Amino acid sequence: MNESITHLKVPVADDERRVCLGPDGSMAHVSRIMRMLSGRWKLPLLFRLFAAPTLRSSQLLRDMPGISQKVLTQHLRELERDGLLLRRDFAEQPPRVEYQLTQAGRELMPVLVALREFSRSHPQAKG
């Protein structure tokens, strides 16, 4: 079983391994963020809200053809739960709710833009 675990074969001290692979290591933090962003529509939602300071769910539905109301609501709730979005309910009739990026969501955007630039400078291999 341990023969298939390649990171154990790398000659590093145990302390250095914990920095990368431990419960508070780099991999754990990056994996947590990747889980927060997993979902077909989460990245489009974040980029759309980065482009416009506040948007209502009806505008997001119009801007992203193919997303259902159910999935939009689910992804918005998850992004809000993860602290990337702020939901503002105006308690009006008819109901009016707006979404915007939190400070954490705005801080994440340069990382996502850097990933986009990395992708542009490293085209997908053919085959």
Protein backbone atom coordinates (compact mmCIF):
# COMPACT_ATOMS: atom_id res chain seq x y z
CA MET A 1 0.00 0.00 0.00
CA ASN A 2 2.73 2.50 0.94
CA GLU A 3 4.55 1.80 -2.31
CA SER A 4 1.83 3.66 -4.21
CA ILE A 5 2.15 6.76 -2.02
CA THR A 6 4.81 8.65 -3.93
CA HIS A 7 5.08 11.64 -1.60
CA LEU A 8 6.49 9.35 1.10
CA LYS A 9 9.40 8.48 -1.21
CA VAL A 10 10.52 12.08 -1.52
CA PRO A 11 13.50 12.59 0.79
CA VAL A 12 12.29 15.40 3.09
CA ALA A 13 12.31 15.78 6.84
CA ASP A 14 9.05 15.02 8.67
CA ASP A 15 8.64 18.68 9.63
CA GLU A 16 8.86 19.73 5.98
CA ARG A 17 6.33 17.07 4.99
CA ARG A 18 3.82 18.39 7.55
CA VAL A 19 4.19 21.90 6.11
CA CYS A 20 2.92 20.58 2.78
CA LEU A 21 0.80 17.56 3.63
CA GLY A 22 -0.23 17.93 7.27
CA PRO A 23 -3.73 18.87 8.44
CA ASP A 24 -2.73 22.55 8.39
CA GLY A 25 -0.39 22.18 5.41
CA SER A 26 -0.44 23.85 2.05
CA MET A 27 -2.32 21.01 0.38
CA ALA A 28 -5.13 21.15 2.94
CA HIS A 29 -5.63 24.87 2.44
CA VAL A 30 -5.58 24.70 -1.36
CA SER A 31 -7.91 21.69 -1.33
CA ARG A 32 -10.39 23.57 0.86
CA ILE A 33 -10.50 26.46 -1.60
CA MET A 34 -10.84 24.08 -4.56
CA ARG A 35 -13.85 22.46 -2.84
CA MET A 36 -15.38 25.92 -2.31
CA LEU A 37 -15.06 26.61 -6.03
CA SER A 38 -16.24 23.22 -7.25
CA GLY A 39 -19.49 23.37 -9.13
CA ARG A 40 -20.20 24.13 -12.76
CA TRP A 41 -21.50 27.65 -12.17
CA LYS A 42 -19.47 28.95 -9.22
CA LEU A 43 -16.60 30.41 -11.23
CA PRO A 44 -18.95 32.12 -13.73
CA LEU A 45 -20.89 33.56 -10.77
CA LEU A 46 -17.73 34.89 -9.14
CA PHE A 47 -16.41 36.43 -12.36
CA ARG A 48 -19.81 37.97 -13.13
CA LEU A 49 -20.05 39.48 -9.65
CA PHE A 50 -16.48 40.72 -9.96
CA ALA A 51 -17.48 42.60 -13.12
CA ALA A 52 -20.58 44.17 -11.55
CA PRO A 53 -20.63 45.37 -7.93
CA THR A 54 -24.12 44.03 -7.16
CA LEU A 55 -26.51 41.82 -9.09
CA ARG A 56 -29.94 40.39 -8.53
CA SER A 57 -30.57 36.70 -9.13
CA SER A 58 -32.83 37.50 -12.11
CA GLN A 59 -29.91 39.30 -13.79
CA LEU A 60 -27.60 36.37 -13.07
CA LEU A 61 -30.15 34.02 -14.66
CA ARG A 62 -30.25 36.21 -17.79
CA ASP A 63 -26.46 36.52 -17.95
CA MET A 64 -25.81 32.78 -17.67
CA PRO A 65 -28.02 30.85 -20.07
CA GLY A 66 -28.30 27.20 -19.14
CA ILE A 67 -28.34 27.61 -15.36
CA SER A 68 -31.57 26.71 -13.62
CA GLN A 69 -33.10 28.73 -10.80
CA LYS A 70 -32.57 25.80 -8.44
CA VAL A 71 -28.86 25.44 -9.21
CA LEU A 72 -28.35 29.21 -9.13
CA THR A 73 -29.92 29.40 -5.69
CA GLN A 74 -27.89 26.41 -4.48
CA HIS A 75 -24.57 27.84 -5.71
CA LEU A 76 -25.34 31.31 -4.35
CA ARG A 77 -26.13 29.83 -0.93
CA GLU A 78 -22.92 27.77 -0.94
CA LEU A 79 -20.80 30.77 -1.94
CA GLU A 80 -22.51 32.82 0.77
CA ARG A 81 -21.91 30.06 3.34
CA ASP A 82 -18.24 29.93 2.35
CA GLY A 83 -17.94 33.69 2.89
CA LEU A 84 -17.36 34.67 -0.73
CA LEU A 85 -20.74 36.35 -1.37
CA LEU A 86 -22.97 38.66 0.58
CA ARG A 87 -26.74 38.37 0.17
CA ARG A 88 -28.63 41.59 0.82
CA ASP A 89 -32.38 41.24 1.33
CA PHE A 90 -34.26 44.55 1.16
CA ALA A 91 -37.44 43.11 2.77
CA GLU A 92 -39.62 44.74 0.13
CA GLN A 93 -42.62 43.65 -1.88
CA PRO A 94 -42.02 42.46 -4.50
CA PRO A 95 -38.97 40.77 -3.00
CA ARG A 96 -35.63 42.32 -3.88
CA VAL A 97 -32.37 40.54 -3.12
CA GLU A 98 -28.92 41.54 -4.33
CA TYR A 99 -25.63 39.69 -4.25
CA GLN A 100 -22.11 41.06 -4.10
CA LEU A 101 -18.63 39.76 -3.41
CA THR A 102 -17.39 39.95 0.17
CA GLN A 103 -13.90 41.16 0.97
CA ALA A 104 -12.76 37.51 0.86
CA GLY A 105 -14.40 37.10 -2.55
CA ARG A 106 -12.61 40.19 -3.86
CA GLU A 107 -9.31 38.92 -2.45
CA LEU A 108 -9.80 35.62 -4.30
CA MET A 109 -10.27 37.28 -7.69
CA PRO A 110 -6.57 38.08 -8.35
CA VAL A 111 -5.82 34.39 -7.74
CA LEU A 112 -8.47 33.38 -10.28
CA VAL A 113 -7.19 35.96 -12.77
CA ALA A 114 -3.66 34.56 -12.26
CA LEU A 115 -5.01 31.06 -13.00
CA ARG A 116 -6.61 32.41 -16.18
CA GLU A 117 -3.30 33.94 -17.26
CA PHE A 118 -1.45 30.72 -16.46
CA SER A 119 -3.93 28.85 -18.66
CA ARG A 120 -3.46 31.34 -21.50
CA SER A 121 0.32 31.05 -21.35
CA HIS A 122 0.22 27.22 -21.13
CA PRO A 123 -2.14 26.02 -23.86
CA GLN A 124 -3.74 22.63 -23.54
CA ALA A 125 -1.67 19.82 -24.99
CA LYS A 126 -3.18 18.17 -28.06
CA GLY A 127 -3.91 14.51 -27.99
